[in-house]
Amino acid sequence: MTASISLALLFGALLAGQAAAADLPAAADLRSEAASAARSGQPLVVLYSRSDCRYCESVRKDYLHPLQTSAAHRGVVVRQINQDSDRPLRGFQGQSVTHAGFAAGEKIRLVPVVAFYGPDGRQLAPPIVGARIADYYQSYLDEALEQSAQALRRR
């Protein structure tokens, strides 16, 4: 194998790894995922995204990936629903739908949207719509997570 072919294969593998690492776990069963989060006193956090959304990538990379490893938010479950995907999904009431169909049912038009759900499918805090101002985004996220945790404790 020549050095240029080896280098091309290595570069391709690195790019594929970066693309895979960039996405959050895809939502598969919202009822189960929300119940798992609620057992830890946390909401199910859902990023509504599109494959061509650069603002979504920023929210994913800068805020939601770190959230998954945060000691302060242990037990939070973060999932992604792609507005432009036909991937199958089981909804909060057990219904079969696609990512695109669920996003449409939630009236998601612009992305990114970060929503906070309890095990019954009700939103626990107002969603964060858009990328907003980077200097304040973390405080918007922290506030919504705290409001969601309080709402879960009251149930």
C-alpha atoms as a PDB file:
ATOM      1  CA  MET A   1       0.000   0.000   0.000  1.00  0.00           C
ATOM      2  CA  THR A   2       1.419   3.370  -0.915  1.00  0.00           C
ATOM      3  CA  ALA A   3       1.871   6.111   1.642  1.00  0.00           C
ATOM      4  CA  SER A   4      -0.695   8.356  -0.073  1.00  0.00           C
ATOM      5  CA  ILE A   5      -3.375   5.622  -0.003  1.00  0.00           C
ATOM      6  CA  SER A   6      -2.607   4.882   3.667  1.00  0.00           C
ATOM      7  CA  LEU A   7      -2.825   8.572   4.493  1.00  0.00           C
ATOM      8  CA  ALA A   8      -6.119   8.910   2.600  1.00  0.00           C
ATOM      9  CA  LEU A   9      -7.595   5.923   4.452  1.00  0.00           C
ATOM     10  CA  LEU A  10      -6.456   7.315   7.808  1.00  0.00           C
ATOM     11  CA  PHE A  11      -7.901  10.753   7.005  1.00  0.00           C
ATOM     12  CA  GLY A  12     -11.211   9.175   5.918  1.00  0.00           C
ATOM     13  CA  ALA A  13     -11.406   7.151   9.127  1.00  0.00           C
ATOM     14  CA  LEU A  14     -10.747  10.264  11.211  1.00  0.00           C
ATOM     15  CA  LEU A  15     -13.493  12.189   9.431  1.00  0.00           C
ATOM     16  CA  ALA A  16     -15.944   9.317   9.874  1.00  0.00           C
ATOM     17  CA  GLY A  17     -15.083   9.168  13.575  1.00  0.00           C
ATOM     18  CA  GLN A  18     -15.638  12.906  13.973  1.00  0.00           C
ATOM     19  CA  ALA A  19     -19.026  12.711  12.241  1.00  0.00           C
ATOM     20  CA  ALA A  20     -20.113   9.826  14.437  1.00  0.00           C
ATOM     21  CA  ALA A  21     -18.901  11.567  17.599  1.00  0.00           C
ATOM     22  CA  ALA A  22     -20.697  14.781  16.650  1.00  0.00           C
ATOM     23  CA  ASP A  23     -24.195  13.314  16.845  1.00  0.00           C
ATOM     24  CA  LEU A  24     -25.984  12.605  20.086  1.00  0.00           C
ATOM     25  CA  PRO A  25     -27.692   9.246  20.552  1.00  0.00           C
ATOM     26  CA  ALA A  26     -30.784   9.135  18.348  1.00  0.00           C
ATOM     27  CA  ALA A  27     -34.106   8.935  20.165  1.00  0.00           C
ATOM     28  CA  ALA A  28     -35.590   5.454  19.823  1.00  0.00           C
ATOM     29  CA  ASP A  29     -38.202   5.007  22.590  1.00  0.00           C
ATOM     30  CA  LEU A  30     -39.182   8.301  24.218  1.00  0.00           C
ATOM     31  CA  ARG A  31     -41.292   6.739  26.974  1.00  0.00           C
ATOM     32  CA  SER A  32     -38.454   4.470  28.081  1.00  0.00           C
ATOM     33  CA  GLU A  33     -35.771   7.161  27.727  1.00  0.00           C
ATOM     34  CA  ALA A  34     -37.826   9.705  29.706  1.00  0.00           C
ATOM     35  CA  ALA A  35     -38.582   7.135  32.434  1.00  0.00           C
ATOM     36  CA  SER A  36     -34.872   6.384  32.750  1.00  0.00           C
ATOM     37  CA  ALA A  37     -34.062  10.084  33.175  1.00  0.00           C
ATOM     38  CA  ALA A  38     -36.915  10.619  35.658  1.00  0.00           C
ATOM     39  CA  ARG A  39     -35.623   7.803  37.899  1.00  0.00           C
ATOM     40  CA  SER A  40     -32.543  10.005  38.385  1.00  0.00           C
ATOM     41  CA  GLY A  41     -34.671  13.112  38.944  1.00  0.00           C
ATOM     42  CA  GLN A  42     -33.727  14.507  35.552  1.00  0.00           C
ATOM     43  CA  PRO A  43     -35.656  15.380  32.386  1.00  0.00           C
ATOM     44  CA  LEU A  44     -35.268  13.751  29.007  1.00  0.00           C
ATOM     45  CA  VAL A  45     -33.429  16.413  27.006  1.00  0.00           C
ATOM     46  CA  VAL A  46     -34.191  16.299  23.283  1.00  0.00           C
ATOM     47  CA  LEU A  47     -32.302  18.206  20.630  1.00  0.00           C
ATOM     48  CA  TYR A  48     -34.411  18.730  17.528  1.00  0.00           C
ATOM     49  CA  SER A  49     -31.934  19.052  14.698  1.00  0.00           C
ATOM     50  CA  ARG A  50     -31.356  18.720  10.963  1.00  0.00           C
ATOM     51  CA  SER A  51     -28.421  17.201   9.143  1.00  0.00           C
ATOM     52  CA  ASP A  52     -27.563  20.549   7.504  1.00  0.00           C
ATOM     53  CA  CYS A  53     -27.831  22.765  10.617  1.00  0.00           C
ATOM     54  CA  ARG A  54     -24.544  24.326  11.696  1.00  0.00           C
ATOM     55  CA  TYR A  55     -26.165  25.966  14.739  1.00  0.00           C
ATOM     56  CA  CYS A  56     -27.366  22.515  15.835  1.00  0.00           C
ATOM     57  CA  GLU A  57     -23.783  21.285  15.672  1.00  0.00           C
ATOM     58  CA  SER A  58     -22.678  24.109  17.954  1.00  0.00           C
ATOM     59  CA  VAL A  59     -25.400  23.357  20.531  1.00  0.00           C
ATOM     60  CA  ARG A  60     -24.561  19.651  20.366  1.00  0.00           C
ATOM     61  CA  LYS A  61     -20.794  20.089  20.699  1.00  0.00           C
ATOM     62  CA  ASP A  62     -20.600  23.040  23.102  1.00  0.00           C
ATOM     63  CA  TYR A  63     -23.507  22.326  25.466  1.00  0.00           C
ATOM     64  CA  LEU A  64     -25.193  18.931  25.134  1.00  0.00           C
ATOM     65  CA  HIS A  65     -22.152  16.655  24.812  1.00  0.00           C
ATOM     66  CA  PRO A  66     -20.616  18.181  27.984  1.00  0.00           C
ATOM     67  CA  LEU A  67     -23.986  17.910  29.747  1.00  0.00           C
ATOM     68  CA  GLN A  68     -23.894  14.129  29.404  1.00  0.00           C
ATOM     69  CA  THR A  69     -20.715  13.929  31.487  1.00  0.00           C
ATOM     70  CA  SER A  70     -21.528  16.682  33.981  1.00  0.00           C
ATOM     71  CA  ALA A  71     -21.476  15.584  37.626  1.00  0.00           C
ATOM     72  CA  ALA A  72     -24.123  18.203  38.427  1.00  0.00           C
ATOM     73  CA  HIS A  73     -26.559  16.633  35.951  1.00  0.00           C
ATOM     74  CA  ARG A  74     -25.847  12.956  36.554  1.00  0.00           C
ATOM     75  CA  GLY A  75     -28.622  10.800  35.128  1.00  0.00           C
ATOM     76  CA  VAL A  76     -29.759  13.281  32.499  1.00  0.00           C
ATOM     77  CA  VAL A  77     -30.631  11.525  29.242  1.00  0.00           C
ATOM     78  CA  VAL A  78     -29.922  13.475  26.056  1.00  0.00           C
ATOM     79  CA  ARG A  79     -31.325  12.337  22.726  1.00  0.00           C
ATOM     80  CA  GLN A  80     -31.520  13.768  19.219  1.00  0.00           C
ATOM     81  CA  ILE A  81     -34.507  13.839  16.886  1.00  0.00           C
ATOM     82  CA  ASN A  82     -33.730  14.782  13.315  1.00  0.00           C
ATOM     83  CA  GLN A  83     -36.449  16.798  11.647  1.00  0.00           C
ATOM     84  CA  ASP A  84     -35.293  15.498   8.243  1.00  0.00           C
ATOM     85  CA  SER A  85     -35.080  11.787   9.125  1.00  0.00           C
ATOM     86  CA  ASP A  86     -37.381   8.832   8.502  1.00  0.00           C
ATOM     87  CA  ARG A  87     -35.734   6.894  11.338  1.00  0.00           C
ATOM     88  CA  PRO A  88     -38.361   4.998  13.358  1.00  0.00           C
ATOM     89  CA  LEU A  89     -39.274   6.242  16.824  1.00  0.00           C
ATOM     90  CA  ARG A  90     -41.638   5.105  19.563  1.00  0.00           C
ATOM     91  CA  GLY A  91     -43.445   8.074  21.079  1.00  0.00           C
ATOM     92  CA  PHE A  92     -44.373   8.812  24.680  1.00  0.00           C
ATOM     93  CA  GLN A  93     -47.674   6.914  24.367  1.00  0.00           C
ATOM     94  CA  GLY A  94     -46.028   3.978  22.607  1.00  0.00           C
ATOM     95  CA  GLN A  95     -47.072   5.018  19.100  1.00  0.00           C
ATOM     96  CA  SER A  96     -44.805   4.270  16.131  1.00  0.00           C
ATOM     97  CA  VAL A  97     -43.704   7.334  14.220  1.00  0.00           C
ATOM     98  CA  THR A  98     -40.621   8.672  12.441  1.00  0.00           C
ATOM     99  CA  HIS A  99     -38.275  11.358  13.690  1.00  0.00           C
ATOM    100  CA  ALA A 100     -39.682  13.750  11.076  1.00  0.00           C
ATOM    101  CA  GLY A 101     -43.270  12.864  11.990  1.00  0.00           C
ATOM    102  CA  PHE A 102     -42.685  13.359  15.714  1.00  0.00           C
ATOM    103  CA  ALA A 103     -40.937  16.709  15.140  1.00  0.00           C
ATOM    104  CA  ALA A 104     -43.863  17.842  12.972  1.00  0.00           C
ATOM    105  CA  GLY A 105     -46.321  16.744  15.672  1.00  0.00           C
ATOM    106  CA  GLU A 106     -44.390  18.849  18.198  1.00  0.00           C
ATOM    107  CA  LYS A 107     -44.659  21.770  15.742  1.00  0.00           C
ATOM    108  CA  ILE A 108     -40.886  22.079  15.362  1.00  0.00           C
ATOM    109  CA  ARG A 109     -40.189  24.393  12.455  1.00  0.00           C
ATOM    110  CA  LEU A 110     -36.854  26.065  13.172  1.00  0.00           C
ATOM    111  CA  VAL A 111     -33.901  24.202  14.627  1.00  0.00           C
ATOM    112  CA  PRO A 112     -32.070  23.842  16.915  1.00  0.00           C
ATOM    113  CA  VAL A 113     -34.678  23.352  19.630  1.00  0.00           C
ATOM    114  CA  VAL A 114     -33.769  21.831  22.980  1.00  0.00           C
ATOM    115  CA  ALA A 115     -36.833  20.487  24.814  1.00  0.00           C
ATOM    116  CA  PHE A 116     -37.200  19.036  28.320  1.00  0.00           C
ATOM    117  CA  TYR A 117     -39.672  16.180  28.863  1.00  0.00           C
ATOM    118  CA  GLY A 118     -41.057  14.207  31.765  1.00  0.00           C
ATOM    119  CA  PRO A 119     -41.986  10.519  31.555  1.00  0.00           C
ATOM    120  CA  ASP A 120     -45.553  11.313  30.502  1.00  0.00           C
ATOM    121  CA  GLY A 121     -44.369  13.349  27.503  1.00  0.00           C
ATOM    122  CA  ARG A 122     -45.214  16.746  28.960  1.00  0.00           C
ATOM    123  CA  GLN A 123     -42.634  19.474  28.614  1.00  0.00           C
ATOM    124  CA  LEU A 124     -41.214  20.424  32.008  1.00  0.00           C
ATOM    125  CA  ALA A 125     -39.707  23.785  31.002  1.00  0.00           C
ATOM    126  CA  PRO A 126     -40.005  26.064  28.014  1.00  0.00           C
ATOM    127  CA  PRO A 127     -37.839  24.824  25.132  1.00  0.00           C
ATOM    128  CA  ILE A 128     -34.725  26.704  24.082  1.00  0.00           C
ATOM    129  CA  VAL A 129     -35.331  27.751  20.486  1.00  0.00           C
ATOM    130  CA  GLY A 130     -32.386  28.691  18.308  1.00  0.00           C
ATOM    131  CA  ALA A 131     -28.741  29.055  19.259  1.00  0.00           C
ATOM    132  CA  ARG A 132     -29.357  32.337  21.120  1.00  0.00           C
ATOM    133  CA  ILE A 133     -26.462  34.370  22.431  1.00  0.00           C
ATOM    134  CA  ALA A 134     -23.453  32.151  23.129  1.00  0.00           C
ATOM    135  CA  ASP A 135     -22.527  34.102  26.276  1.00  0.00           C
ATOM    136  CA  TYR A 136     -25.883  33.218  27.875  1.00  0.00           C
ATOM    137  CA  TYR A 137     -26.758  29.829  26.370  1.00  0.00           C
ATOM    138  CA  GLN A 138     -25.310  27.818  29.259  1.00  0.00           C
ATOM    139  CA  SER A 139     -27.373  29.811  31.767  1.00  0.00           C
ATOM    140  CA  TYR A 140     -30.545  29.235  29.677  1.00  0.00           C
ATOM    141  CA  LEU A 141     -29.755  25.513  29.677  1.00  0.00           C
ATOM    142  CA  ASP A 142     -28.989  25.383  33.422  1.00  0.00           C
ATOM    143  CA  GLU A 143     -32.194  27.281  34.238  1.00  0.00           C
ATOM    144  CA  ALA A 144     -34.336  24.943  32.119  1.00  0.00           C
ATOM    145  CA  LEU A 145     -32.705  21.874  33.691  1.00  0.00           C
ATOM    146  CA  GLU A 146     -33.340  23.195  37.207  1.00  0.00           C
ATOM    147  CA  GLN A 147     -36.948  24.084  36.367  1.00  0.00           C
ATOM    148  CA  SER A 148     -37.416  20.585  34.900  1.00  0.00           C
ATOM    149  CA  ALA A 149     -35.942  18.864  37.962  1.00  0.00           C
ATOM    150  CA  GLN A 150     -38.235  20.917  40.231  1.00  0.00           C
ATOM    151  CA  ALA A 151     -41.259  19.982  38.126  1.00  0.00           C
ATOM    152  CA  LEU A 152     -40.325  16.289  38.433  1.00  0.00           C
ATOM    153  CA  ARG A 153     -39.996  16.575  42.236  1.00  0.00           C
ATOM    154  CA  ARG A 154     -43.499  18.088  42.472  1.00  0.00           C
ATOM    155  CA  ARG A 155     -45.079  15.103  40.701  1.00  0.00           C
END
